[in-house]
Amino acid sequence: MPPTDKKPVPIRLTTERFLLRSLELSDATERFVSWLADPGVMKPLNKPTSQLTVQQLEAIIRAVDGIKNFQIGIFERRSKAHVGNFYASIDDIHQTATIDVMIGDTGYWGSKVVNECRAALLDHFFRVRGVEKVIGRPLVRNFPSVFNYKTQGWHLEGILKEQWRSFYGEGRLDQYQFCMLKDEWRSRRQADQAKAKPKKGDRKKAAARRRS
């Protein structure tokens, strides 16, 4: 069941390459501001560009409650560089969550950041936050995002036809709805772990190599 104390519990997770944590006021930087003003970053999400100040961005971060709504920064562990954010909201009544992502540093596009980090978030929301279903809604024309959902095994539930008006002169845009269910994600993780586990013969060969 969902947590009942209703106190903010910051998110802090690690993957092989990245740290995921709830955004702090110190994360409101000119670097972050520049992403929101970049049409190349915002157009795939169909978000209008914005000319925010650092102080305005701090106010946005401060307004997130950390109970039902989350802004989660993606930081490279080696360089500590802030490369993007996840945005998540939870519906406690129906035990669902909706997750969106923005990779602001375009140098990380195509480097499998999203699925590596989203796997850790799925683990967290299913195990810790009482969620039974997670929803993702990329635009149909956002091909890299759609590719990531499909390769991670999400189910396509449907197409929302002409759901959004484009901020970039493209008329109306279709949107996919993908979902991941808790039990299906658990089964997928177990299958992945079984594949990664060394077979008995492989362990013997490795031990023999170490002795030689």
Protein backbone atom coordinates (compact mmCIF):
# COMPACT_ATOMS: atom_id res chain seq x y z
CA MET A 1 0.00 0.00 0.00
CA PRO A 2 1.14 3.64 -0.44
CA PRO A 3 3.04 5.27 2.41
CA THR A 4 0.72 6.77 5.01
CA ASP A 5 2.96 9.26 6.81
CA LYS A 6 2.74 11.82 3.97
CA LYS A 7 6.16 13.26 4.76
CA PRO A 8 8.55 14.14 1.95
CA VAL A 9 11.14 11.41 1.44
CA PRO A 10 13.87 12.52 -0.99
CA ILE A 11 14.86 10.12 -3.74
CA ARG A 12 18.49 9.07 -3.97
CA LEU A 13 19.45 6.16 -6.22
CA THR A 14 22.56 5.03 -8.07
CA THR A 15 23.10 3.15 -11.30
CA GLU A 16 26.34 2.03 -12.88
CA ARG A 17 27.01 5.49 -14.32
CA PHE A 18 24.57 7.89 -12.69
CA LEU A 19 23.24 9.30 -9.44
CA LEU A 20 19.52 10.06 -9.31
CA ARG A 21 18.35 12.37 -6.55
CA SER A 22 15.62 14.84 -5.74
CA LEU A 23 16.53 18.28 -7.00
CA GLU A 24 17.84 20.80 -4.50
CA LEU A 25 17.89 24.59 -4.70
CA SER A 26 21.59 24.47 -5.53
CA ASP A 27 20.70 22.61 -8.74
CA ALA A 28 19.07 25.77 -10.11
CA THR A 29 22.02 26.83 -12.26
CA GLU A 30 22.61 28.72 -15.49
CA ARG A 31 23.27 25.33 -17.09
CA PHE A 32 19.77 24.13 -16.14
CA VAL A 33 18.24 27.46 -17.21
CA SER A 34 19.91 27.12 -20.63
CA TRP A 35 18.15 23.80 -21.29
CA LEU A 36 14.74 25.37 -20.80
CA ALA A 37 15.62 28.09 -23.32
CA ASP A 38 16.93 25.67 -25.96
CA PRO A 39 14.41 24.77 -28.71
CA GLY A 40 16.47 21.68 -29.53
CA VAL A 41 15.80 20.32 -26.04
CA MET A 42 12.22 21.49 -25.65
CA LYS A 43 10.76 20.75 -29.09
CA PRO A 44 10.89 16.92 -28.76
CA LEU A 45 8.81 17.35 -25.57
CA ASN A 46 6.53 19.97 -27.17
CA LYS A 47 7.33 22.36 -24.34
CA PRO A 48 7.66 26.08 -25.02
CA THR A 49 11.06 27.59 -24.39
CA SER A 50 11.28 29.82 -21.33
CA GLN A 51 13.66 32.55 -20.26
CA LEU A 52 13.81 31.88 -16.54
CA THR A 53 16.19 33.32 -14.00
CA VAL A 54 18.00 31.10 -11.52
CA GLN A 55 15.76 32.54 -8.81
CA GLN A 56 12.61 31.59 -10.72
CA LEU A 57 13.96 28.09 -11.22
CA GLU A 58 14.64 27.84 -7.48
CA ALA A 59 10.99 28.71 -6.83
CA ILE A 60 9.88 25.89 -9.15
CA ILE A 61 12.10 23.39 -7.35
CA ARG A 62 10.90 24.61 -3.96
CA ALA A 63 7.24 24.13 -4.97
CA VAL A 64 7.62 20.37 -5.58
CA ASP A 65 6.24 18.54 -2.54
CA GLY A 66 8.31 15.33 -2.68
CA ILE A 67 5.22 13.34 -1.71
CA LYS A 68 3.11 13.13 -4.85
CA ASN A 69 5.29 15.15 -7.20
CA PHE A 70 9.01 14.76 -7.82
CA GLN A 71 11.77 16.41 -9.80
CA ILE A 72 14.70 14.01 -9.94
CA GLY A 73 18.06 15.10 -11.27
CA ILE A 74 20.33 12.83 -13.29
CA PHE A 75 24.00 13.33 -12.41
CA GLU A 76 26.95 11.52 -13.92
CA ARG A 77 28.79 9.88 -11.05
CA ARG A 78 32.29 10.33 -12.49
CA SER A 79 32.08 14.01 -13.44
CA LYS A 80 29.13 14.97 -11.17
CA ALA A 81 27.65 16.74 -14.22
CA HIS A 82 23.91 17.42 -14.17
CA VAL A 83 22.67 15.98 -17.47
CA GLY A 84 18.87 15.95 -17.18
CA ASN A 85 15.79 15.34 -15.04
CA PHE A 86 12.91 12.98 -14.50
CA TYR A 87 9.51 14.40 -13.53
CA ALA A 88 7.13 12.07 -11.71
CA SER A 89 3.69 12.32 -10.16
CA ILE A 90 1.83 9.72 -8.08
CA ASP A 91 -1.89 9.08 -7.79
CA ASP A 92 -2.22 7.48 -4.35
CA ILE A 93 -5.83 6.44 -4.84
CA HIS A 94 -5.16 4.39 -7.96
CA GLN A 95 -1.52 3.59 -7.09
CA THR A 96 -0.23 4.81 -10.45
CA ALA A 97 2.66 7.06 -11.38
CA THR A 98 3.41 9.07 -14.50
CA ILE A 99 7.06 9.64 -15.38
CA ASP A 100 8.55 12.02 -17.96
CA VAL A 101 12.19 12.71 -18.76
CA MET A 102 14.30 15.49 -20.22
CA ILE A 103 17.97 15.02 -21.10
CA GLY A 104 19.12 18.62 -21.22
CA ASP A 105 22.77 17.97 -22.06
CA THR A 106 22.53 16.88 -25.70
CA GLY A 107 26.01 15.37 -25.49
CA TYR A 108 24.37 12.48 -23.62
CA TRP A 109 21.70 11.82 -26.22
CA GLY A 110 21.98 8.32 -27.65
CA SER A 111 24.10 7.03 -24.74
CA LYS A 112 21.35 4.93 -23.09
CA VAL A 113 21.00 7.30 -20.13
CA VAL A 114 17.21 7.13 -20.02
CA ASN A 115 16.69 3.38 -19.77
CA GLU A 116 19.59 2.87 -17.35
CA CYS A 117 18.18 5.49 -15.00
CA ARG A 118 14.51 4.75 -15.54
CA ALA A 119 15.08 1.12 -14.54
CA ALA A 120 16.27 2.31 -11.12
CA LEU A 121 13.25 4.60 -10.82
CA LEU A 122 10.85 1.79 -11.70
CA ASP A 123 12.46 -0.38 -9.01
CA HIS A 124 12.04 2.46 -6.52
CA PHE A 125 8.45 3.43 -7.31
CA PHE A 126 7.27 -0.18 -7.30
CA ARG A 127 9.13 -1.24 -4.16
CA VAL A 128 9.06 1.90 -2.03
CA ARG A 129 6.27 4.23 -3.17
CA GLY A 130 3.40 1.72 -3.34
CA VAL A 131 2.90 2.10 -7.08
CA GLU A 132 1.30 -0.71 -9.13
CA LYS A 133 1.46 0.85 -12.60
CA VAL A 134 3.73 3.44 -14.24
CA ILE A 135 2.67 5.43 -17.29
CA GLY A 136 4.76 7.19 -19.93
CA ARG A 137 3.35 9.43 -22.65
CA PRO A 138 5.85 10.39 -25.37
CA LEU A 139 4.79 12.18 -28.52
CA VAL A 140 4.48 9.84 -31.50
CA ARG A 141 7.02 11.92 -33.40
CA ASN A 142 9.59 11.70 -30.57
CA PHE A 143 11.26 8.67 -32.14
CA PRO A 144 14.19 8.30 -29.68
CA SER A 145 11.81 8.34 -26.71
CA VAL A 146 9.46 5.81 -28.32
CA PHE A 147 12.46 3.58 -29.11
CA ASN A 148 13.50 3.66 -25.45
CA TYR A 149 10.05 2.62 -24.24
CA LYS A 150 9.89 -0.26 -26.69
CA THR A 151 13.39 -1.57 -25.97
CA GLN A 152 12.70 -1.45 -22.23
CA GLY A 153 9.61 -3.60 -22.68
CA TRP A 154 6.80 -1.13 -21.99
CA HIS A 155 3.32 -1.95 -23.33
CA LEU A 156 1.73 0.40 -25.84
CA GLU A 157 -1.80 0.96 -24.52
CA GLY A 158 -3.00 3.32 -27.20
CA ILE A 159 -2.64 6.49 -29.23
CA LEU A 160 -4.17 9.78 -28.15
CA LYS A 161 -4.98 11.35 -31.51
CA GLU A 162 -4.23 15.05 -31.96
CA GLN A 163 -3.81 15.36 -28.19
CA TRP A 164 -1.64 18.47 -28.14
CA ARG A 165 -1.25 21.65 -30.11
CA SER A 166 2.33 22.06 -31.24
CA PHE A 167 4.27 25.03 -29.92
CA TYR A 168 6.48 24.77 -33.01
CA GLY A 169 4.03 25.19 -35.90
CA GLU A 170 3.37 21.48 -36.52
CA GLY A 171 -0.41 21.54 -36.11
CA ARG A 172 -1.79 19.01 -33.63
CA LEU A 173 0.33 16.14 -32.31
CA ASP A 174 -0.47 12.52 -31.54
CA GLN A 175 0.71 11.01 -28.26
CA TYR A 176 1.40 7.40 -27.28
CA GLN A 177 0.50 5.97 -23.89
CA PHE A 178 2.86 3.26 -22.65
CA CYS A 179 2.63 1.43 -19.34
CA MET A 180 4.68 -0.85 -17.11
CA LEU A 181 2.95 -3.01 -14.48
CA LYS A 182 4.63 -3.93 -11.21
CA ASP A 183 4.46 -7.72 -11.67
CA GLU A 184 5.66 -7.53 -15.25
CA TRP A 185 8.60 -5.37 -14.27
CA ARG A 186 9.52 -7.77 -11.47
CA SER A 187 9.44 -10.69 -13.91
CA ARG A 188 11.55 -8.79 -16.42
CA ARG A 189 14.14 -7.90 -13.77
CA GLN A 190 14.33 -11.51 -12.59
CA ALA A 191 14.81 -12.71 -16.17
CA ASP A 192 17.58 -10.15 -16.72
CA GLN A 193 19.32 -11.23 -13.51
CA ALA A 194 19.11 -14.88 -14.55
CA LYS A 195 20.72 -14.07 -17.89
CA ALA A 196 23.50 -12.11 -16.19
CA LYS A 197 24.22 -14.83 -13.61
CA PRO A 198 27.29 -16.91 -14.60
CA LYS A 199 26.56 -20.53 -15.41
CA LYS A 200 28.21 -23.25 -13.35
CA GLY A 201 30.59 -24.21 -16.15
CA ASP A 202 31.54 -20.57 -16.67
CA ARG A 203 32.39 -20.20 -12.97
CA LYS A 204 34.65 -23.26 -13.13
CA LYS A 205 36.44 -21.92 -16.21
CA ALA A 206 36.92 -18.55 -14.52
CA ALA A 207 38.34 -20.22 -11.40
CA ALA A 208 40.72 -22.28 -13.55
CA ARG A 209 41.94 -19.14 -15.30
CA ARG A 210 42.60 -17.48 -11.95
CA ARG A 211 44.67 -20.50 -10.78
CA SER A 212 46.73 -20.65 -13.97
